[in-house]
Amino acid sequence: MIALSPEKMTTAEKLQAMELLWSDLCSHSQLTTPDWHQTVLEKRHQQRENGTQQPMAWSEAKEAIRQRTR
């Protein structure tokens, strides 16, 4: 087992670890989403339909998160 010490990791390392964990969870387990998630998705869909929110590519979203956490 690998032991990670978040307090010793850089932000970039933490994000990379999160991406690896999420990828593994998505490919090896049956995740169920909470009920509130559907409400959030419907709200965001409506915002896109109204033109108040534009979709963003995942690569752009990750870069925006990285920029905010520097």
C-alpha atoms as a PDB file:
ATOM      1  CA  MET A   1       0.000   0.000   0.000  1.00  0.00           C
ATOM      2  CA  ILE A   2       1.218   3.477  -0.834  1.00  0.00           C
ATOM      3  CA  ALA A   3       1.070   6.052   1.956  1.00  0.00           C
ATOM      4  CA  LEU A   4       0.599   9.636   0.786  1.00  0.00           C
ATOM      5  CA  SER A   5       1.330  12.634   2.927  1.00  0.00           C
ATOM      6  CA  PRO A   6      -0.714  15.537   1.520  1.00  0.00           C
ATOM      7  CA  GLU A   7       1.086  18.118   3.629  1.00  0.00           C
ATOM      8  CA  LYS A   8       4.317  17.205   1.820  1.00  0.00           C
ATOM      9  CA  MET A   9       2.769  17.313  -1.674  1.00  0.00           C
ATOM     10  CA  THR A  10       2.640  20.277  -4.013  1.00  0.00           C
ATOM     11  CA  THR A  11      -0.711  21.389  -5.384  1.00  0.00           C
ATOM     12  CA  ALA A  12       0.190  19.888  -8.759  1.00  0.00           C
ATOM     13  CA  GLU A  13       1.003  16.554  -7.101  1.00  0.00           C
ATOM     14  CA  LYS A  14      -2.277  16.616  -5.187  1.00  0.00           C
ATOM     15  CA  LEU A  15      -4.257  17.283  -8.368  1.00  0.00           C
ATOM     16  CA  GLN A  16      -2.412  14.494 -10.167  1.00  0.00           C
ATOM     17  CA  ALA A  17      -3.146  12.091  -7.304  1.00  0.00           C
ATOM     18  CA  MET A  18      -6.826  13.070  -7.375  1.00  0.00           C
ATOM     19  CA  GLU A  19      -6.981  12.481 -11.125  1.00  0.00           C
ATOM     20  CA  LEU A  20      -5.386   9.044 -10.735  1.00  0.00           C
ATOM     21  CA  LEU A  21      -7.780   8.087  -7.933  1.00  0.00           C
ATOM     22  CA  TRP A  22     -10.833   9.315  -9.821  1.00  0.00           C
ATOM     23  CA  SER A  23      -9.778   7.474 -12.976  1.00  0.00           C
ATOM     24  CA  ASP A  24      -9.314   4.278 -11.003  1.00  0.00           C
ATOM     25  CA  LEU A  25     -12.663   4.656  -9.240  1.00  0.00           C
ATOM     26  CA  CYS A  26     -14.446   5.223 -12.542  1.00  0.00           C
ATOM     27  CA  SER A  27     -12.936   2.174 -14.178  1.00  0.00           C
ATOM     28  CA  HIS A  28     -13.069  -0.325 -11.319  1.00  0.00           C
ATOM     29  CA  SER A  29     -16.185   0.330  -9.321  1.00  0.00           C
ATOM     30  CA  GLN A  30     -19.874   0.983  -9.590  1.00  0.00           C
ATOM     31  CA  LEU A  31     -20.344   4.542  -8.392  1.00  0.00           C
ATOM     32  CA  THR A  32     -23.793   5.770  -7.500  1.00  0.00           C
ATOM     33  CA  THR A  33     -24.533   9.451  -7.598  1.00  0.00           C
ATOM     34  CA  PRO A  34     -26.412  11.198  -4.794  1.00  0.00           C
ATOM     35  CA  ASP A  35     -29.953  12.443  -5.454  1.00  0.00           C
ATOM     36  CA  TRP A  36     -28.918  16.118  -5.295  1.00  0.00           C
ATOM     37  CA  HIS A  37     -26.582  15.577  -8.253  1.00  0.00           C
ATOM     38  CA  GLN A  38     -29.507  15.311 -10.696  1.00  0.00           C
ATOM     39  CA  THR A  39     -30.813  18.663  -9.445  1.00  0.00           C
ATOM     40  CA  VAL A  40     -27.433  20.305 -10.049  1.00  0.00           C
ATOM     41  CA  LEU A  41     -27.189  18.782 -13.528  1.00  0.00           C
ATOM     42  CA  GLU A  42     -30.673  20.018 -14.436  1.00  0.00           C
ATOM     43  CA  LYS A  43     -29.843  23.532 -13.185  1.00  0.00           C
ATOM     44  CA  ARG A  44     -26.632  23.632 -15.222  1.00  0.00           C
ATOM     45  CA  HIS A  45     -28.426  22.310 -18.301  1.00  0.00           C
ATOM     46  CA  GLN A  46     -31.007  25.076 -17.946  1.00  0.00           C
ATOM     47  CA  GLN A  47     -28.240  27.676 -17.565  1.00  0.00           C
ATOM     48  CA  ARG A  48     -26.650  26.455 -20.814  1.00  0.00           C
ATOM     49  CA  GLU A  49     -30.036  26.549 -22.549  1.00  0.00           C
ATOM     50  CA  ASN A  50     -30.546  30.140 -21.334  1.00  0.00           C
ATOM     51  CA  GLY A  51     -27.060  31.135 -22.472  1.00  0.00           C
ATOM     52  CA  THR A  52     -25.949  32.098 -18.959  1.00  0.00           C
ATOM     53  CA  GLN A  53     -23.307  29.363 -18.772  1.00  0.00           C
ATOM     54  CA  GLN A  54     -21.039  28.081 -21.505  1.00  0.00           C
ATOM     55  CA  PRO A  55     -19.637  24.549 -21.575  1.00  0.00           C
ATOM     56  CA  MET A  56     -15.926  24.150 -20.968  1.00  0.00           C
ATOM     57  CA  ALA A  57     -13.593  21.379 -22.092  1.00  0.00           C
ATOM     58  CA  TRP A  58     -12.272  19.260 -19.223  1.00  0.00           C
ATOM     59  CA  SER A  59      -8.688  20.205 -20.109  1.00  0.00           C
ATOM     60  CA  GLU A  60      -9.634  23.908 -19.856  1.00  0.00           C
ATOM     61  CA  ALA A  61     -11.441  23.333 -16.557  1.00  0.00           C
ATOM     62  CA  LYS A  62      -8.409  21.582 -15.065  1.00  0.00           C
ATOM     63  CA  GLU A  63      -6.148  24.427 -16.168  1.00  0.00           C
ATOM     64  CA  ALA A  64      -8.533  27.005 -14.650  1.00  0.00           C
ATOM     65  CA  ILE A  65      -8.449  25.083 -11.361  1.00  0.00           C
ATOM     66  CA  ARG A  66      -4.664  24.942 -11.457  1.00  0.00           C
ATOM     67  CA  GLN A  67      -4.458  28.689 -12.078  1.00  0.00           C
ATOM     68  CA  ARG A  68      -6.768  29.423  -9.122  1.00  0.00           C
ATOM     69  CA  THR A  69      -4.788  27.207  -6.763  1.00  0.00           C
ATOM     70  CA  ARG A  70      -1.334  28.627  -7.470  1.00  0.00           C
END
